[in-house]
C-alpha atoms as a PDB file:
ATOM      1  CA  UNK A   1     153.812 -42.605  30.347  1.00  0.00           C
ATOM      2  CA  UNK A   2     156.563 -41.045  32.430  1.00  0.00           C
ATOM      3  CA  UNK A   3     159.450 -43.128  33.710  1.00  0.00           C
ATOM      4  CA  UNK A   4     161.128 -41.694  36.783  1.00  0.00           C
ATOM      5  CA  UNK A   5     164.702 -42.480  37.793  1.00  0.00           C
ATOM      6  CA  UNK A   6     165.989 -41.417  41.206  1.00  0.00           C
ATOM      7  CA  UNK A   7     169.638 -41.045  42.168  1.00  0.00           C
ATOM      8  CA  UNK A   8     171.813 -39.492  44.852  1.00  0.00           C
ATOM      9  CA  UNK A   9     171.074 -41.679  47.849  1.00  0.00           C
ATOM     10  CA  UNK A  10     173.764 -43.009  50.140  1.00  0.00           C
ATOM     11  CA  UNK A  11     175.147 -43.248  53.652  1.00  0.00           C
ATOM     12  CA  UNK A  12     175.757 -40.034  55.569  1.00  0.00           C
ATOM     13  CA  UNK A  13     176.441 -39.220  59.219  1.00  0.00           C
ATOM     14  CA  UNK A  14     173.891 -37.298  61.294  1.00  0.00           C
ATOM     15  CA  UNK A  15     174.023 -33.623  60.398  1.00  0.00           C
ATOM     16  CA  UNK A  16     175.196 -34.374  56.893  1.00  0.00           C
ATOM     17  CA  UNK A  17     173.661 -33.495  53.544  1.00  0.00           C
ATOM     18  CA  UNK A  18     172.565 -35.253  50.382  1.00  0.00           C
ATOM     19  CA  UNK A  19     170.951 -34.100  47.174  1.00  0.00           C
ATOM     20  CA  UNK A  20     168.542 -36.475  45.511  1.00  0.00           C
ATOM     21  CA  UNK A  21     167.693 -36.182  41.848  1.00  0.00           C
ATOM     22  CA  UNK A  22     164.781 -37.536  39.860  1.00  0.00           C
ATOM     23  CA  UNK A  23     164.919 -37.504  36.084  1.00  0.00           C
ATOM     24  CA  UNK A  24     162.279 -38.290  33.506  1.00  0.00           C
ATOM     25  CA  UNK A  25     163.325 -41.039  31.151  1.00  0.00           C
ATOM     26  CA  UNK A  26     161.499 -41.323  27.857  1.00  0.00           C
ATOM     27  CA  UNK A  27     159.050 -38.594  28.775  1.00  0.00           C
ATOM     28  CA  UNK A  28     158.602 -35.094  30.087  1.00  0.00           C
ATOM     29  CA  UNK A  29     157.564 -33.464  33.328  1.00  0.00           C
ATOM     30  CA  UNK A  30     155.431 -30.898  31.520  1.00  0.00           C
ATOM     31  CA  UNK A  31     152.178 -30.397  33.412  1.00  0.00           C
ATOM     32  CA  UNK A  32     153.116 -32.627  36.315  1.00  0.00           C
ATOM     33  CA  UNK A  33     153.366 -31.898  39.998  1.00  0.00           C
ATOM     34  CA  UNK A  34     156.387 -33.788  41.308  1.00  0.00           C
ATOM     35  CA  UNK A  35     156.563 -35.199  44.793  1.00  0.00           C
ATOM     36  CA  UNK A  36     159.052 -36.916  47.050  1.00  0.00           C
ATOM     37  CA  UNK A  37     157.897 -39.628  49.412  1.00  0.00           C
ATOM     38  CA  UNK A  38     159.770 -41.962  51.709  1.00  0.00           C
ATOM     39  CA  UNK A  39     159.265 -45.344  53.253  1.00  0.00           C
ATOM     40  CA  UNK A  40     161.165 -46.813  56.170  1.00  0.00           C
ATOM     41  CA  UNK A  41     161.130 -50.561  56.917  1.00  0.00           C
ATOM     42  CA  UNK A  42     157.867 -51.589  58.536  1.00  0.00           C
ATOM     43  CA  UNK A  43     156.266 -48.207  57.967  1.00  0.00           C
ATOM     44  CA  UNK A  44     153.879 -46.769  55.443  1.00  0.00           C
ATOM     45  CA  UNK A  45     155.052 -44.558  52.621  1.00  0.00           C
ATOM     46  CA  UNK A  46     154.814 -40.924  53.663  1.00  0.00           C
ATOM     47  CA  UNK A  47     154.819 -37.555  51.950  1.00  0.00           C
ATOM     48  CA  UNK A  48     157.999 -35.483  52.135  1.00  0.00           C
ATOM     49  CA  UNK A  49     157.698 -32.609  49.641  1.00  0.00           C
ATOM     50  CA  UNK A  50     156.082 -31.592  46.367  1.00  0.00           C
ATOM     51  CA  UNK A  51     156.444 -28.835  43.794  1.00  0.00           C
ATOM     52  CA  UNK A  52     154.075 -27.331  41.256  1.00  0.00           C
ATOM     53  CA  UNK A  53     154.857 -27.953  37.619  1.00  0.00           C
ATOM     54  CA  UNK A  54     156.215 -24.450  37.029  1.00  0.00           C
ATOM     55  CA  UNK A  55     158.196 -24.617  40.255  1.00  0.00           C
ATOM     56  CA  UNK A  56     156.590 -21.573  41.829  1.00  0.00           C
ATOM     57  CA  UNK A  57     155.039 -23.365  44.781  1.00  0.00           C
ATOM     58  CA  UNK A  58     156.240 -26.021  47.171  1.00  0.00           C
ATOM     59  CA  UNK A  59     154.910 -27.861  50.184  1.00  0.00           C
ATOM     60  CA  UNK A  60     156.754 -29.827  52.829  1.00  0.00           C
ATOM     61  CA  UNK A  61     155.974 -32.266  55.596  1.00  0.00           C
ATOM     62  CA  UNK A  62     156.412 -30.665  59.001  1.00  0.00           C
ATOM     63  CA  UNK A  63     159.241 -33.008  59.908  1.00  0.00           C
ATOM     64  CA  UNK A  64     161.456 -31.705  57.065  1.00  0.00           C
ATOM     65  CA  UNK A  65     160.589 -28.003  57.048  1.00  0.00           C
ATOM     66  CA  UNK A  66     163.709 -25.905  57.301  1.00  0.00           C
ATOM     67  CA  UNK A  67     165.960 -28.860  56.447  1.00  0.00           C
ATOM     68  CA  UNK A  68     164.863 -30.054  52.987  1.00  0.00           C
ATOM     69  CA  UNK A  69     164.422 -27.981  49.835  1.00  0.00           C
ATOM     70  CA  UNK A  70     162.771 -29.185  46.669  1.00  0.00           C
ATOM     71  CA  UNK A  71     163.410 -27.637  43.267  1.00  0.00           C
ATOM     72  CA  UNK A  72     162.992 -28.517  39.610  1.00  0.00           C
ATOM     73  CA  UNK A  73     164.590 -27.785  36.265  1.00  0.00           C
ATOM     74  CA  UNK A  74     161.973 -28.387  33.597  1.00  0.00           C
ATOM     75  CA  UNK A  75     164.479 -27.854  30.797  1.00  0.00           C
ATOM     76  CA  UNK A  76     166.333 -30.888  32.125  1.00  0.00           C
ATOM     77  CA  UNK A  77     163.204 -32.784  33.176  1.00  0.00           C
ATOM     78  CA  UNK A  78     164.756 -33.169  36.605  1.00  0.00           C
ATOM     79  CA  UNK A  79     163.674 -32.458  40.154  1.00  0.00           C
ATOM     80  CA  UNK A  80     165.876 -32.257  43.195  1.00  0.00           C
ATOM     81  CA  UNK A  81     165.596 -32.714  46.926  1.00  0.00           C
ATOM     82  CA  UNK A  82     168.344 -31.009  48.889  1.00  0.00           C
ATOM     83  CA  UNK A  83     168.480 -32.599  52.326  1.00  0.00           C
ATOM     84  CA  UNK A  84     170.465 -30.859  55.043  1.00  0.00           C
ATOM     85  CA  UNK A  85     170.941 -31.552  58.742  1.00  0.00           C
ATOM     86  CA  UNK A  86     169.954 -35.162  58.211  1.00  0.00           C
ATOM     87  CA  UNK A  87     168.795 -37.197  61.183  1.00  0.00           C
ATOM     88  CA  UNK A  88     168.801 -40.967  61.756  1.00  0.00           C
ATOM     89  CA  UNK A  89     165.014 -40.919  61.506  1.00  0.00           C
ATOM     90  CA  UNK A  90     165.349 -39.703  57.913  1.00  0.00           C
ATOM     91  CA  UNK A  91     166.653 -43.147  56.988  1.00  0.00           C
ATOM     92  CA  UNK A  92     164.325 -44.571  54.342  1.00  0.00           C
ATOM     93  CA  UNK A  93     163.910 -45.349  50.694  1.00  0.00           C
ATOM     94  CA  UNK A  94     163.016 -42.122  48.920  1.00  0.00           C
ATOM     95  CA  UNK A  95     160.668 -42.173  45.967  1.00  0.00           C
ATOM     96  CA  UNK A  96     159.899 -39.629  43.297  1.00  0.00           C
ATOM     97  CA  UNK A  97     156.339 -39.461  41.961  1.00  0.00           C
ATOM     98  CA  UNK A  98     154.417 -37.498  39.329  1.00  0.00           C
ATOM     99  CA  UNK A  99     150.830 -36.253  39.411  1.00  0.00           C
ATOM    100  CA  UNK A 100     149.241 -34.727  36.329  1.00  0.00           C
ATOM    101  CA  UNK A 101     148.252 -31.243  37.495  1.00  0.00           C
ATOM    102  CA  UNK A 102     148.598 -28.096  35.427  1.00  0.00           C
ATOM    103  CA  UNK A 103     147.300 -25.508  37.844  1.00  0.00           C
ATOM    104  CA  UNK A 104     147.662 -26.538  41.455  1.00  0.00           C
ATOM    105  CA  UNK A 105     150.118 -27.827  43.974  1.00  0.00           C
ATOM    106  CA  UNK A 106     148.724 -31.325  43.853  1.00  0.00           C
ATOM    107  CA  UNK A 107     148.352 -33.670  46.777  1.00  0.00           C
ATOM    108  CA  UNK A 108     150.291 -35.293  49.581  1.00  0.00           C
ATOM    109  CA  UNK A 109     148.276 -38.492  49.114  1.00  0.00           C
ATOM    110  CA  UNK A 110     150.151 -41.333  47.442  1.00  0.00           C
ATOM    111  CA  UNK A 111     147.104 -42.589  45.547  1.00  0.00           C
ATOM    112  CA  UNK A 112     146.857 -39.293  43.649  1.00  0.00           C
ATOM    113  CA  UNK A 113     150.176 -39.857  41.910  1.00  0.00           C
ATOM    114  CA  UNK A 114     150.270 -41.455  38.495  1.00  0.00           C
ATOM    115  CA  UNK A 115     153.883 -42.538  38.138  1.00  0.00           C
ATOM    116  CA  UNK A 116     156.562 -43.650  40.577  1.00  0.00           C
ATOM    117  CA  UNK A 117     160.271 -44.253  40.476  1.00  0.00           C
ATOM    118  CA  UNK A 118     162.041 -47.284  41.920  1.00  0.00           C
ATOM    119  CA  UNK A 119     163.461 -45.394  44.875  1.00  0.00           C
ATOM    120  CA  UNK A 120     166.882 -44.535  46.245  1.00  0.00           C
ATOM    121  CA  UNK A 121     168.124 -45.541  49.685  1.00  0.00           C
ATOM    122  CA  UNK A 122     169.146 -42.891  52.208  1.00  0.00           C
ATOM    123  CA  UNK A 123     170.835 -44.067  55.387  1.00  0.00           C
ATOM    124  CA  UNK A 124     171.762 -41.639  58.156  1.00  0.00           C
ATOM    125  CA  UNK A 125     174.103 -43.242  60.623  1.00  0.00           C
ATOM    126  CA  UNK A 126     177.399 -42.645  62.371  1.00  0.00           C
END
């Protein structure tokens, strides 16, 4: 069992930056692909980014490429999502999720993930 705790959300103006964090509480990220997803009101949860368990590979949704960067620090059992040049359409609740996967880059499909955090709200508005 891995408990995930997100932090770092908030209100920023368009063009601003935020860094989200996701920490493992009471467990470890060893052997897990970690992903970030988001869900805006009235919309389905969608994939944002994911990272292999050793941190050597990443994948991003097209709408965040060049603006968001995902990284992880396995010694701290923490993953990060650096979000730059934020747009109003990035407004959503952002969720961290873990998929047991030792060798690959995992999936962008929500049903493949085993554990989820409670989410952190990101609002981009002037």
